[in-house]
Amino acid sequence: MTRTADEIRDWLVARVSTLTGLPPAEVDPDAPLTRHGLDSVALIALVAEFERWLGRRFRENPLDQYPTITALAGFLAGQPGGPA
């Protein structure tokens, strides 16, 4: 199933909100995820959950190249801002 950038962004905002305790409105999709207080262990767990949700495995951590929610959502949806 192909997800839109909006669906991916909304899912990531919701998960970061749950993991950090921040209200969803305070999760800045244009800020690096580490700025929300997620450490490397939390980021790896987030990517693992994300893989299950998308039904897709990554060879490398996509957050290394796309460290913000907006950049990652655009890349995965094949929109400008990331290669398809």
N, C-alpha and C. Protein backbone atom coordinates (compact mmCIF):
# COMPACT_ATOMS: atom_id res chain seq x y z
N MET A 1 0.83 -1.18 0.00
CA MET A 1 0.00 0.00 0.00
C MET A 1 0.88 1.25 0.00
N THR A 2 0.61 2.14 -0.92
CA THR A 2 1.35 3.38 -1.00
C THR A 2 0.72 4.42 -0.09
N ARG A 3 1.53 5.09 0.65
CA ARG A 3 1.07 6.13 1.57
C ARG A 3 1.42 7.50 0.99
N THR A 4 0.59 8.48 1.26
CA THR A 4 0.88 9.84 0.83
C THR A 4 1.82 10.50 1.83
N ALA A 5 2.43 11.60 1.41
CA ALA A 5 3.31 12.34 2.31
C ALA A 5 2.53 12.81 3.54
N ASP A 6 1.29 13.22 3.35
CA ASP A 6 0.47 13.67 4.49
C ASP A 6 0.21 12.53 5.47
N GLU A 7 -0.10 11.34 4.96
CA GLU A 7 -0.34 10.20 5.85
C GLU A 7 0.92 9.85 6.63
N ILE A 8 2.05 9.86 5.95
CA ILE A 8 3.32 9.53 6.59
C ILE A 8 3.65 10.59 7.64
N ARG A 9 3.51 11.85 7.29
CA ARG A 9 3.79 12.94 8.22
C ARG A 9 2.88 12.84 9.46
N ASP A 10 1.60 12.61 9.24
CA ASP A 10 0.66 12.51 10.37
C ASP A 10 1.01 11.35 11.29
N TRP A 11 1.38 10.21 10.70
CA TRP A 11 1.75 9.05 11.51
C TRP A 11 2.99 9.35 12.34
N LEU A 12 4.00 9.96 11.70
CA LEU A 12 5.23 10.28 12.41
C LEU A 12 5.00 11.30 13.51
N VAL A 13 4.20 12.32 13.25
CA VAL A 13 3.89 13.32 14.28
C VAL A 13 3.21 12.64 15.46
N ALA A 14 2.26 11.77 15.19
CA ALA A 14 1.55 11.07 16.27
C ALA A 14 2.50 10.20 17.09
N ARG A 15 3.39 9.47 16.42
CA ARG A 15 4.33 8.60 17.15
C ARG A 15 5.32 9.41 17.97
N VAL A 16 5.85 10.49 17.39
CA VAL A 16 6.80 11.34 18.14
C VAL A 16 6.09 11.96 19.33
N SER A 17 4.85 12.36 19.15
CA SER A 17 4.06 12.90 20.25
C SER A 17 3.92 11.88 21.37
N THR A 18 3.61 10.65 21.03
CA THR A 18 3.46 9.59 22.02
C THR A 18 4.78 9.30 22.73
N LEU A 19 5.86 9.23 21.97
CA LEU A 19 7.17 8.90 22.54
C LEU A 19 7.72 10.00 23.44
N THR A 20 7.42 11.25 23.12
CA THR A 20 7.99 12.36 23.87
C THR A 20 7.05 12.97 24.89
N GLY A 21 5.75 12.71 24.75
CA GLY A 21 4.78 13.34 25.63
C GLY A 21 4.40 14.75 25.20
N LEU A 22 4.93 15.18 24.08
CA LEU A 22 4.56 16.49 23.54
C LEU A 22 3.20 16.42 22.88
N PRO A 23 2.40 17.47 22.98
CA PRO A 23 1.16 17.50 22.20
C PRO A 23 1.51 17.49 20.71
N PRO A 24 0.71 16.85 19.87
CA PRO A 24 1.01 16.80 18.43
C PRO A 24 1.26 18.18 17.82
N ALA A 25 0.57 19.20 18.29
CA ALA A 25 0.75 20.54 17.74
C ALA A 25 2.14 21.11 18.04
N GLU A 26 2.82 20.55 19.02
CA GLU A 26 4.16 21.02 19.37
C GLU A 26 5.27 20.22 18.69
N VAL A 27 4.92 19.20 17.94
CA VAL A 27 5.92 18.43 17.20
C VAL A 27 6.13 19.16 15.87
N ASP A 28 7.31 19.73 15.71
CA ASP A 28 7.64 20.51 14.51
C ASP A 28 8.14 19.55 13.42
N PRO A 29 7.35 19.37 12.34
CA PRO A 29 7.76 18.43 11.30
C PRO A 29 8.97 18.89 10.51
N ASP A 30 9.38 20.15 10.67
CA ASP A 30 10.54 20.66 9.95
C ASP A 30 11.80 20.72 10.80
N ALA A 31 11.71 20.30 12.04
CA ALA A 31 12.87 20.26 12.93
C ALA A 31 13.45 18.85 12.94
N PRO A 32 14.76 18.73 13.10
CA PRO A 32 15.34 17.38 13.23
C PRO A 32 14.68 16.64 14.39
N LEU A 33 14.44 15.36 14.20
CA LEU A 33 13.77 14.56 15.24
C LEU A 33 14.52 14.58 16.56
N THR A 34 15.84 14.70 16.51
CA THR A 34 16.61 14.74 17.75
C THR A 34 16.28 15.98 18.57
N ARG A 35 15.79 17.03 17.93
CA ARG A 35 15.43 18.25 18.65
C ARG A 35 14.20 18.05 19.54
N HIS A 36 13.46 16.97 19.29
CA HIS A 36 12.28 16.68 20.10
C HIS A 36 12.63 15.84 21.32
N GLY A 37 13.90 15.55 21.50
CA GLY A 37 14.33 14.81 22.67
C GLY A 37 14.45 13.31 22.46
N LEU A 38 14.40 12.86 21.21
CA LEU A 38 14.56 11.43 20.93
C LEU A 38 16.04 11.09 20.85
N ASP A 39 16.45 10.06 21.59
CA ASP A 39 17.83 9.62 21.52
C ASP A 39 17.97 8.57 20.43
N SER A 40 19.18 8.07 20.24
CA SER A 40 19.44 7.12 19.15
C SER A 40 18.64 5.83 19.30
N VAL A 41 18.45 5.37 20.52
CA VAL A 41 17.67 4.14 20.75
C VAL A 41 16.22 4.37 20.36
N ALA A 42 15.66 5.51 20.75
CA ALA A 42 14.27 5.83 20.40
C ALA A 42 14.11 5.98 18.89
N LEU A 43 15.11 6.56 18.23
CA LEU A 43 15.03 6.73 16.78
C LEU A 43 15.06 5.39 16.06
N ILE A 44 15.88 4.46 16.54
CA ILE A 44 15.94 3.13 15.93
C ILE A 44 14.61 2.40 16.14
N ALA A 45 14.05 2.52 17.32
CA ALA A 45 12.74 1.91 17.59
C ALA A 45 11.66 2.53 16.71
N LEU A 46 11.73 3.84 16.51
CA LEU A 46 10.77 4.53 15.65
C LEU A 46 10.87 4.03 14.22
N VAL A 47 12.08 3.87 13.72
CA VAL A 47 12.26 3.37 12.35
C VAL A 47 11.73 1.94 12.24
N ALA A 48 11.94 1.11 13.25
CA ALA A 48 11.43 -0.27 13.23
C ALA A 48 9.90 -0.27 13.18
N GLU A 49 9.26 0.58 13.98
CA GLU A 49 7.79 0.68 13.95
C GLU A 49 7.33 1.18 12.59
N PHE A 50 8.06 2.13 12.07
CA PHE A 50 7.74 2.73 10.79
C PHE A 50 7.81 1.69 9.67
N GLU A 51 8.83 0.84 9.73
CA GLU A 51 8.96 -0.24 8.74
C GLU A 51 7.74 -1.16 8.78
N ARG A 52 7.32 -1.53 9.97
CA ARG A 52 6.14 -2.39 10.10
C ARG A 52 4.89 -1.70 9.55
N TRP A 53 4.72 -0.43 9.88
CA TRP A 53 3.55 0.32 9.43
C TRP A 53 3.52 0.45 7.91
N LEU A 54 4.68 0.70 7.31
CA LEU A 54 4.75 0.84 5.86
C LEU A 54 4.78 -0.51 5.14
N GLY A 55 5.19 -1.55 5.85
CA GLY A 55 5.38 -2.84 5.20
C GLY A 55 6.60 -2.81 4.29
N ARG A 56 7.61 -2.11 4.74
CA ARG A 56 8.81 -1.89 3.92
C ARG A 56 10.03 -1.90 4.82
N ARG A 57 11.11 -2.54 4.36
CA ARG A 57 12.36 -2.58 5.13
C ARG A 57 13.36 -1.61 4.51
N PHE A 58 14.15 -1.00 5.37
CA PHE A 58 15.20 -0.10 4.91
C PHE A 58 16.55 -0.77 5.10
N ARG A 59 17.43 -0.61 4.12
CA ARG A 59 18.79 -1.14 4.27
C ARG A 59 19.60 -0.28 5.22
N GLU A 60 19.34 1.02 5.16
CA GLU A 60 20.02 1.97 6.04
C GLU A 60 18.96 2.80 6.75
N ASN A 61 19.35 3.44 7.80
CA ASN A 61 18.42 4.27 8.54
C ASN A 61 18.08 5.50 7.68
N PRO A 62 16.82 5.66 7.26
CA PRO A 62 16.47 6.79 6.39
C PRO A 62 16.60 8.13 7.10
N LEU A 63 16.63 8.12 8.43
CA LEU A 63 16.76 9.38 9.16
C LEU A 63 18.16 9.97 9.04
N ASP A 64 19.13 9.15 8.61
CA ASP A 64 20.47 9.69 8.40
C ASP A 64 20.46 10.73 7.28
N GLN A 65 19.71 10.46 6.23
CA GLN A 65 19.62 11.38 5.09
C GLN A 65 18.45 12.33 5.19
N TYR A 66 17.39 11.93 5.85
CA TYR A 66 16.15 12.71 5.95
C TYR A 66 15.79 12.86 7.42
N PRO A 67 16.45 13.79 8.13
CA PRO A 67 16.31 13.87 9.59
C PRO A 67 15.05 14.55 10.12
N THR A 68 14.22 15.09 9.21
CA THR A 68 12.99 15.72 9.67
C THR A 68 11.79 14.91 9.19
N ILE A 69 10.67 15.11 9.84
CA ILE A 69 9.44 14.42 9.45
C ILE A 69 9.05 14.80 8.03
N THR A 70 9.12 16.08 7.70
CA THR A 70 8.74 16.55 6.36
C THR A 70 9.64 15.95 5.29
N ALA A 71 10.95 15.97 5.51
CA ALA A 71 11.89 15.42 4.53
C ALA A 71 11.67 13.92 4.34
N LEU A 72 11.50 13.20 5.42
CA LEU A 72 11.30 11.75 5.34
C LEU A 72 9.99 11.42 4.64
N ALA A 73 8.92 12.12 4.99
CA ALA A 73 7.62 11.88 4.36
C ALA A 73 7.68 12.16 2.86
N GLY A 74 8.33 13.25 2.46
CA GLY A 74 8.47 13.58 1.05
C GLY A 74 9.27 12.53 0.29
N PHE A 75 10.37 12.09 0.89
CA PHE A 75 11.20 11.06 0.26
C PHE A 75 10.41 9.77 0.07
N LEU A 76 9.75 9.32 1.10
CA LEU A 76 9.04 8.04 1.03
C LEU A 76 7.81 8.09 0.12
N ALA A 77 7.23 9.26 -0.02
CA ALA A 77 6.08 9.40 -0.91
C ALA A 77 6.53 9.72 -2.34
N GLY A 78 7.85 9.89 -2.54
CA GLY A 78 8.37 10.17 -3.87
C GLY A 78 8.07 11.58 -4.34
N GLN A 79 7.97 12.51 -3.38
CA GLN A 79 7.69 13.89 -3.72
C GLN A 79 8.98 14.68 -3.76
N PRO A 80 8.91 15.91 -4.31
CA PRO A 80 10.10 16.76 -4.31
C PRO A 80 10.69 16.90 -2.91
N GLY A 81 11.98 16.97 -2.86
CA GLY A 81 12.65 17.04 -1.57
C GLY A 81 13.37 15.74 -1.26
N GLY A 82 13.12 14.73 -2.08
CA GLY A 82 13.79 13.46 -1.90
C GLY A 82 13.64 12.62 -3.15
N PRO A 83 14.60 11.78 -3.45
CA PRO A 83 14.50 10.94 -4.63
C PRO A 83 13.37 9.93 -4.50
N ALA A 84 12.77 9.59 -5.60
CA ALA A 84 11.68 8.62 -5.60
C ALA A 84 12.21 7.22 -5.41
